[in-house]
Amino acid sequence: MTASARLLIVGPQGSGKGTQGVLVAEAFGIPVVSTGDIFRANIKAGTELGQQVTAIMEAGDLVPDELTSAIVRDRLSQDDAANGFLLDGYPRNTAQVAHLDEFLGERGETLDAVILLDVPREESLERLRLRAIEQGRADDTAEAIAKRLDIYEQETAPIIEVYAERGIVDRIDGVGSLEAITERIGAALAARGLAQRV
């Protein structure tokens, strides 16, 4: 049994992957590496990267794969990620899968498991609609939410196929209480011989 784990969590917006990712990472004593968080931190700090990302996002574009991959490489090279990590939001397409494979391959590593939170589209839409109301998110219109789910389905489905062929995808029912979903994830990872620290 190993206390380290190299994990990826995937799920549509509204699937609860951000929350579950933090809980899983805490249980294993590994950092969450979220591209969204890295981008936001750099934007807030006004770094050169932050300025680049801001310009790209203001133009309504996605951050290019090469730039995203370089940022993740840098983050995974830090000491706290030496014994494992949980990726959230990366890789988001097959080009980024290739970048990650190359980086991990150089270190003689591979991903241990891909946690796929399975949530029906209607459930995701309803959760996001409620979140928009609770948090006063004006940009979370029904159209914007539907568009983001479409992008997720188009871009992320192919990466799931790649990892499924490697036999490392754990499809988790993402409907139910927070605790129940956390338990399902823990049980799936334990079945792979990945032991939590706590």
C-alpha atoms as a PDB file:
ATOM      1  CA  MET A   1       0.000   0.000   0.000  1.00  0.00           C
ATOM      2  CA  THR A   2       1.270   3.432  -0.930  1.00  0.00           C
ATOM      3  CA  ALA A   3       0.365   6.719   0.726  1.00  0.00           C
ATOM      4  CA  SER A   4       1.143   8.651  -2.434  1.00  0.00           C
ATOM      5  CA  ALA A   5      -1.152   8.937  -5.418  1.00  0.00           C
ATOM      6  CA  ARG A   6      -1.137  10.683  -8.787  1.00  0.00           C
ATOM      7  CA  LEU A   7      -4.764  11.356  -9.518  1.00  0.00           C
ATOM      8  CA  LEU A   8      -6.969  13.238 -11.958  1.00  0.00           C
ATOM      9  CA  ILE A   9     -10.549  14.222 -11.119  1.00  0.00           C
ATOM     10  CA  VAL A  10     -12.936  14.866 -13.988  1.00  0.00           C
ATOM     11  CA  GLY A  11     -16.582  15.838 -14.125  1.00  0.00           C
ATOM     12  CA  PRO A  12     -18.931  18.373 -15.645  1.00  0.00           C
ATOM     13  CA  GLN A  13     -19.405  21.751 -14.019  1.00  0.00           C
ATOM     14  CA  GLY A  14     -21.759  21.308 -11.115  1.00  0.00           C
ATOM     15  CA  SER A  15     -20.563  17.736 -10.475  1.00  0.00           C
ATOM     16  CA  GLY A  16     -18.893  18.736  -7.198  1.00  0.00           C
ATOM     17  CA  LYS A  17     -15.409  17.827  -8.431  1.00  0.00           C
ATOM     18  CA  GLY A  18     -13.818  20.895  -6.818  1.00  0.00           C
ATOM     19  CA  THR A  19     -15.181  19.945  -3.404  1.00  0.00           C
ATOM     20  CA  GLN A  20     -14.454  16.224  -3.783  1.00  0.00           C
ATOM     21  CA  GLY A  21     -10.983  16.951  -5.157  1.00  0.00           C
ATOM     22  CA  VAL A  22     -10.043  18.868  -2.012  1.00  0.00           C
ATOM     23  CA  LEU A  23     -11.366  16.094   0.252  1.00  0.00           C
ATOM     24  CA  VAL A  24      -9.509  13.347  -1.658  1.00  0.00           C
ATOM     25  CA  ALA A  25      -6.275  15.358  -1.728  1.00  0.00           C
ATOM     26  CA  GLU A  26      -6.499  15.981   2.040  1.00  0.00           C
ATOM     27  CA  ALA A  27      -7.069  12.269   2.674  1.00  0.00           C
ATOM     28  CA  PHE A  28      -3.902  11.411   0.722  1.00  0.00           C
ATOM     29  CA  GLY A  29      -1.839  14.370   1.936  1.00  0.00           C
ATOM     30  CA  ILE A  30      -1.250  15.593  -1.627  1.00  0.00           C
ATOM     31  CA  PRO A  31      -1.807  19.021  -3.212  1.00  0.00           C
ATOM     32  CA  VAL A  32      -4.719  19.858  -5.508  1.00  0.00           C
ATOM     33  CA  VAL A  33      -3.330  21.246  -8.758  1.00  0.00           C
ATOM     34  CA  SER A  34      -6.152  23.243 -10.329  1.00  0.00           C
ATOM     35  CA  THR A  35      -5.383  25.187 -13.483  1.00  0.00           C
ATOM     36  CA  GLY A  36      -8.223  27.579 -12.679  1.00  0.00           C
ATOM     37  CA  ASP A  37      -6.738  28.344  -9.251  1.00  0.00           C
ATOM     38  CA  ILE A  38      -3.239  28.824 -10.719  1.00  0.00           C
ATOM     39  CA  PHE A  39      -4.576  31.220 -13.371  1.00  0.00           C
ATOM     40  CA  ARG A  40      -6.626  33.196 -10.823  1.00  0.00           C
ATOM     41  CA  ALA A  41      -3.669  33.478  -8.409  1.00  0.00           C
ATOM     42  CA  ASN A  42      -1.416  34.807 -11.184  1.00  0.00           C
ATOM     43  CA  ILE A  43      -4.065  37.251 -12.392  1.00  0.00           C
ATOM     44  CA  LYS A  44      -4.588  38.529  -8.845  1.00  0.00           C
ATOM     45  CA  ALA A  45      -0.813  38.879  -8.293  1.00  0.00           C
ATOM     46  CA  GLY A  46      -0.440  40.701 -11.620  1.00  0.00           C
ATOM     47  CA  THR A  47       2.364  38.403 -12.802  1.00  0.00           C
ATOM     48  CA  GLU A  48       3.489  38.255 -16.413  1.00  0.00           C
ATOM     49  CA  LEU A  49       1.619  34.966 -16.752  1.00  0.00           C
ATOM     50  CA  GLY A  50      -1.448  36.558 -15.180  1.00  0.00           C
ATOM     51  CA  GLN A  51      -1.360  39.380 -17.723  1.00  0.00           C
ATOM     52  CA  GLN A  52      -1.030  36.876 -20.598  1.00  0.00           C
ATOM     53  CA  VAL A  53      -3.956  34.829 -19.299  1.00  0.00           C
ATOM     54  CA  THR A  54      -6.095  37.937 -18.744  1.00  0.00           C
ATOM     55  CA  ALA A  55      -5.547  39.109 -22.323  1.00  0.00           C
ATOM     56  CA  ILE A  56      -6.453  35.660 -23.680  1.00  0.00           C
ATOM     57  CA  MET A  57      -9.579  35.358 -21.534  1.00  0.00           C
ATOM     58  CA  GLU A  58     -10.738  38.915 -22.287  1.00  0.00           C
ATOM     59  CA  ALA A  59     -10.575  37.998 -25.974  1.00  0.00           C
ATOM     60  CA  GLY A  60     -12.954  35.143 -25.124  1.00  0.00           C
ATOM     61  CA  ASP A  61     -10.385  32.466 -25.923  1.00  0.00           C
ATOM     62  CA  LEU A  62      -9.175  29.415 -24.004  1.00  0.00           C
ATOM     63  CA  VAL A  63      -5.611  29.496 -22.716  1.00  0.00           C
ATOM     64  CA  PRO A  64      -3.455  27.620 -25.300  1.00  0.00           C
ATOM     65  CA  ASP A  65      -2.446  24.038 -24.499  1.00  0.00           C
ATOM     66  CA  GLU A  66       1.291  24.816 -24.527  1.00  0.00           C
ATOM     67  CA  LEU A  67       0.926  27.621 -21.974  1.00  0.00           C
ATOM     68  CA  THR A  68      -1.403  25.585 -19.746  1.00  0.00           C
ATOM     69  CA  SER A  69       0.935  22.572 -19.885  1.00  0.00           C
ATOM     70  CA  ALA A  70       3.985  24.712 -19.036  1.00  0.00           C
ATOM     71  CA  ILE A  71       2.169  26.083 -15.985  1.00  0.00           C
ATOM     72  CA  VAL A  72       1.162  22.599 -14.795  1.00  0.00           C
ATOM     73  CA  ARG A  73       4.698  21.253 -15.372  1.00  0.00           C
ATOM     74  CA  ASP A  74       6.086  24.034 -13.205  1.00  0.00           C
ATOM     75  CA  ARG A  75       3.536  23.311 -10.450  1.00  0.00           C
ATOM     76  CA  LEU A  76       4.138  19.541 -10.498  1.00  0.00           C
ATOM     77  CA  SER A  77       7.884  20.139 -10.214  1.00  0.00           C
ATOM     78  CA  GLN A  78       7.450  21.754  -6.779  1.00  0.00           C
ATOM     79  CA  ASP A  79       8.456  19.790  -3.687  1.00  0.00           C
ATOM     80  CA  ASP A  80       4.949  19.311  -2.263  1.00  0.00           C
ATOM     81  CA  ALA A  81       3.915  17.390  -5.415  1.00  0.00           C
ATOM     82  CA  ALA A  82       6.869  14.970  -5.256  1.00  0.00           C
ATOM     83  CA  ASN A  83       4.786  12.205  -3.628  1.00  0.00           C
ATOM     84  CA  GLY A  84       1.653  12.782  -5.649  1.00  0.00           C
ATOM     85  CA  PHE A  85      -0.993  15.273  -6.639  1.00  0.00           C
ATOM     86  CA  LEU A  86      -4.605  15.589  -7.668  1.00  0.00           C
ATOM     87  CA  LEU A  87      -5.163  17.328 -11.002  1.00  0.00           C
ATOM     88  CA  ASP A  88      -8.384  19.300 -11.482  1.00  0.00           C
ATOM     89  CA  GLY A  89      -9.095  20.942 -14.849  1.00  0.00           C
ATOM     90  CA  TYR A  90      -6.059  19.475 -16.613  1.00  0.00           C
ATOM     91  CA  PRO A  91      -5.665  17.742 -18.982  1.00  0.00           C
ATOM     92  CA  ARG A  92      -8.831  18.985 -20.681  1.00  0.00           C
ATOM     93  CA  ASN A  93      -8.147  17.591 -24.162  1.00  0.00           C
ATOM     94  CA  THR A  94      -6.050  14.906 -25.871  1.00  0.00           C
ATOM     95  CA  ALA A  95      -3.199  17.322 -26.704  1.00  0.00           C
ATOM     96  CA  GLN A  96      -2.809  18.053 -22.983  1.00  0.00           C
ATOM     97  CA  VAL A  97      -2.948  14.309 -22.218  1.00  0.00           C
ATOM     98  CA  ALA A  98       0.096  13.900 -24.493  1.00  0.00           C
ATOM     99  CA  HIS A  99       1.891  16.782 -22.710  1.00  0.00           C
ATOM    100  CA  LEU A 100       1.174  15.226 -19.296  1.00  0.00           C
ATOM    101  CA  ASP A 101       2.272  11.751 -20.466  1.00  0.00           C
ATOM    102  CA  GLU A 102       5.556  13.220 -21.692  1.00  0.00           C
ATOM    103  CA  PHE A 103       6.202  15.071 -18.420  1.00  0.00           C
ATOM    104  CA  LEU A 104       5.347  12.091 -16.192  1.00  0.00           C
ATOM    105  CA  GLY A 105       7.277   9.752 -18.497  1.00  0.00           C
ATOM    106  CA  GLU A 106      10.413  11.830 -17.984  1.00  0.00           C
ATOM    107  CA  ARG A 107      10.013  11.183 -14.246  1.00  0.00           C
ATOM    108  CA  GLY A 108       9.226   7.492 -14.683  1.00  0.00           C
ATOM    109  CA  GLU A 109       5.677   8.079 -13.443  1.00  0.00           C
ATOM    110  CA  THR A 110       2.112   7.539 -14.647  1.00  0.00           C
ATOM    111  CA  LEU A 111      -1.318   8.526 -13.380  1.00  0.00           C
ATOM    112  CA  ASP A 112      -2.618   6.021 -10.820  1.00  0.00           C
ATOM    113  CA  ALA A 113      -6.314   6.696 -11.323  1.00  0.00           C
ATOM    114  CA  VAL A 114      -8.807   8.992 -13.031  1.00  0.00           C
ATOM    115  CA  ILE A 115     -11.859   9.763 -10.881  1.00  0.00           C
ATOM    116  CA  LEU A 116     -14.822  10.444 -13.172  1.00  0.00           C
ATOM    117  CA  LEU A 117     -17.781  11.982 -11.368  1.00  0.00           C
ATOM    118  CA  ASP A 118     -20.818  10.878 -13.317  1.00  0.00           C
ATOM    119  CA  VAL A 119     -23.665  13.372 -13.041  1.00  0.00           C
ATOM    120  CA  PRO A 120     -26.637  13.537 -15.441  1.00  0.00           C
ATOM    121  CA  ARG A 121     -26.745  16.734 -17.512  1.00  0.00           C
ATOM    122  CA  GLU A 122     -30.078  17.778 -15.962  1.00  0.00           C
ATOM    123  CA  GLU A 123     -28.584  17.453 -12.464  1.00  0.00           C
ATOM    124  CA  SER A 124     -25.552  19.590 -13.435  1.00  0.00           C
ATOM    125  CA  LEU A 125     -27.817  22.264 -14.945  1.00  0.00           C
ATOM    126  CA  GLU A 126     -29.985  22.376 -11.826  1.00  0.00           C
ATOM    127  CA  ARG A 127     -26.998  22.554  -9.436  1.00  0.00           C
ATOM    128  CA  LEU A 128     -25.412  25.360 -11.483  1.00  0.00           C
ATOM    129  CA  ARG A 129     -28.722  27.245 -11.667  1.00  0.00           C
ATOM    130  CA  LEU A 130     -29.044  27.096  -7.862  1.00  0.00           C
ATOM    131  CA  ARG A 131     -25.395  28.120  -7.391  1.00  0.00           C
ATOM    132  CA  ALA A 132     -25.912  31.116  -9.670  1.00  0.00           C
ATOM    133  CA  ILE A 133     -28.851  32.240  -7.548  1.00  0.00           C
ATOM    134  CA  GLU A 134     -27.068  31.624  -4.210  1.00  0.00           C
ATOM    135  CA  GLN A 135     -23.815  33.307  -5.262  1.00  0.00           C
ATOM    136  CA  GLY A 136     -25.354  36.020  -7.422  1.00  0.00           C
ATOM    137  CA  ARG A 137     -23.372  34.960 -10.489  1.00  0.00           C
ATOM    138  CA  ALA A 138     -24.748  37.096 -13.295  1.00  0.00           C
ATOM    139  CA  ASP A 139     -22.601  35.279 -15.878  1.00  0.00           C
ATOM    140  CA  ASP A 140     -24.189  31.924 -14.993  1.00  0.00           C
ATOM    141  CA  THR A 141     -27.113  32.270 -17.406  1.00  0.00           C
ATOM    142  CA  ALA A 142     -28.889  29.124 -18.602  1.00  0.00           C
ATOM    143  CA  GLU A 143     -27.286  29.611 -22.044  1.00  0.00           C
ATOM    144  CA  ALA A 144     -23.761  30.068 -20.620  1.00  0.00           C
ATOM    145  CA  ILE A 145     -24.138  27.009 -18.398  1.00  0.00           C
ATOM    146  CA  ALA A 146     -25.404  24.872 -21.290  1.00  0.00           C
ATOM    147  CA  LYS A 147     -22.526  26.066 -23.499  1.00  0.00           C
ATOM    148  CA  ARG A 148     -19.926  25.147 -20.836  1.00  0.00           C
ATOM    149  CA  LEU A 149     -21.454  21.679 -20.477  1.00  0.00           C
ATOM    150  CA  ASP A 150     -21.353  21.256 -24.273  1.00  0.00           C
ATOM    151  CA  ILE A 151     -17.645  22.168 -24.310  1.00  0.00           C
ATOM    152  CA  TYR A 152     -16.991  19.723 -21.465  1.00  0.00           C
ATOM    153  CA  GLU A 153     -18.779  16.921 -23.320  1.00  0.00           C
ATOM    154  CA  GLN A 154     -16.955  17.616 -26.615  1.00  0.00           C
ATOM    155  CA  GLU A 155     -13.452  18.130 -25.171  1.00  0.00           C
ATOM    156  CA  THR A 156     -13.378  15.867 -22.154  1.00  0.00           C
ATOM    157  CA  ALA A 157     -15.135  12.749 -23.456  1.00  0.00           C
ATOM    158  CA  PRO A 158     -12.111  11.894 -25.675  1.00  0.00           C
ATOM    159  CA  ILE A 159      -9.671  12.060 -22.720  1.00  0.00           C
ATOM    160  CA  ILE A 160     -11.875   9.677 -20.743  1.00  0.00           C
ATOM    161  CA  GLU A 161     -11.650   7.220 -23.653  1.00  0.00           C
ATOM    162  CA  VAL A 162      -7.827   7.476 -23.659  1.00  0.00           C
ATOM    163  CA  TYR A 163      -7.609   6.765 -19.923  1.00  0.00           C
ATOM    164  CA  ALA A 164     -10.331   4.084 -20.040  1.00  0.00           C
ATOM    165  CA  GLU A 165      -8.200   2.167 -22.563  1.00  0.00           C
ATOM    166  CA  ARG A 166      -5.419   2.210 -19.949  1.00  0.00           C
ATOM    167  CA  GLY A 167      -7.819   0.782 -17.369  1.00  0.00           C
ATOM    168  CA  ILE A 168      -7.399   3.608 -14.854  1.00  0.00           C
ATOM    169  CA  VAL A 169     -10.848   5.278 -14.913  1.00  0.00           C
ATOM    170  CA  ASP A 170     -13.062   4.913 -11.842  1.00  0.00           C
ATOM    171  CA  ARG A 171     -16.582   5.995 -12.809  1.00  0.00           C
ATOM    172  CA  ILE A 172     -18.206   7.314  -9.630  1.00  0.00           C
ATOM    173  CA  ASP A 173     -21.920   8.016  -9.229  1.00  0.00           C
ATOM    174  CA  GLY A 174     -21.845  11.759  -8.466  1.00  0.00           C
ATOM    175  CA  VAL A 175     -25.436  11.956  -7.208  1.00  0.00           C
ATOM    176  CA  GLY A 176     -26.107  11.717  -3.480  1.00  0.00           C
ATOM    177  CA  SER A 177     -24.783  13.247  -0.270  1.00  0.00           C
ATOM    178  CA  LEU A 178     -21.283  14.710  -0.096  1.00  0.00           C
ATOM    179  CA  GLU A 179     -20.251  11.972   2.346  1.00  0.00           C
ATOM    180  CA  ALA A 180     -21.668   9.140   0.218  1.00  0.00           C
ATOM    181  CA  ILE A 181     -19.807  10.340  -2.891  1.00  0.00           C
ATOM    182  CA  THR A 182     -16.560  10.770  -0.906  1.00  0.00           C
ATOM    183  CA  GLU A 183     -16.945   7.184   0.387  1.00  0.00           C
ATOM    184  CA  ARG A 184     -17.493   5.846  -3.158  1.00  0.00           C
ATOM    185  CA  ILE A 185     -14.299   7.554  -4.337  1.00  0.00           C
ATOM    186  CA  GLY A 186     -12.310   6.246  -1.354  1.00  0.00           C
ATOM    187  CA  ALA A 187     -13.545   2.693  -1.933  1.00  0.00           C
ATOM    188  CA  ALA A 188     -12.663   2.793  -5.648  1.00  0.00           C
ATOM    189  CA  LEU A 189      -9.136   4.068  -4.931  1.00  0.00           C
ATOM    190  CA  ALA A 190      -8.633   1.541  -2.106  1.00  0.00           C
ATOM    191  CA  ALA A 191      -9.558  -1.215  -4.580  1.00  0.00           C
ATOM    192  CA  ARG A 192      -6.576  -0.033  -6.653  1.00  0.00           C
ATOM    193  CA  GLY A 193      -4.287  -0.339  -3.622  1.00  0.00           C
ATOM    194  CA  LEU A 194      -4.174   3.416  -3.048  1.00  0.00           C
ATOM    195  CA  ALA A 195      -4.280   3.925   0.721  1.00  0.00           C
ATOM    196  CA  GLN A 196      -5.341   7.178   2.288  1.00  0.00           C
ATOM    197  CA  ARG A 197      -3.217   8.689   5.043  1.00  0.00           C
ATOM    198  CA  VAL A 198      -6.177   9.462   7.284  1.00  0.00           C
END
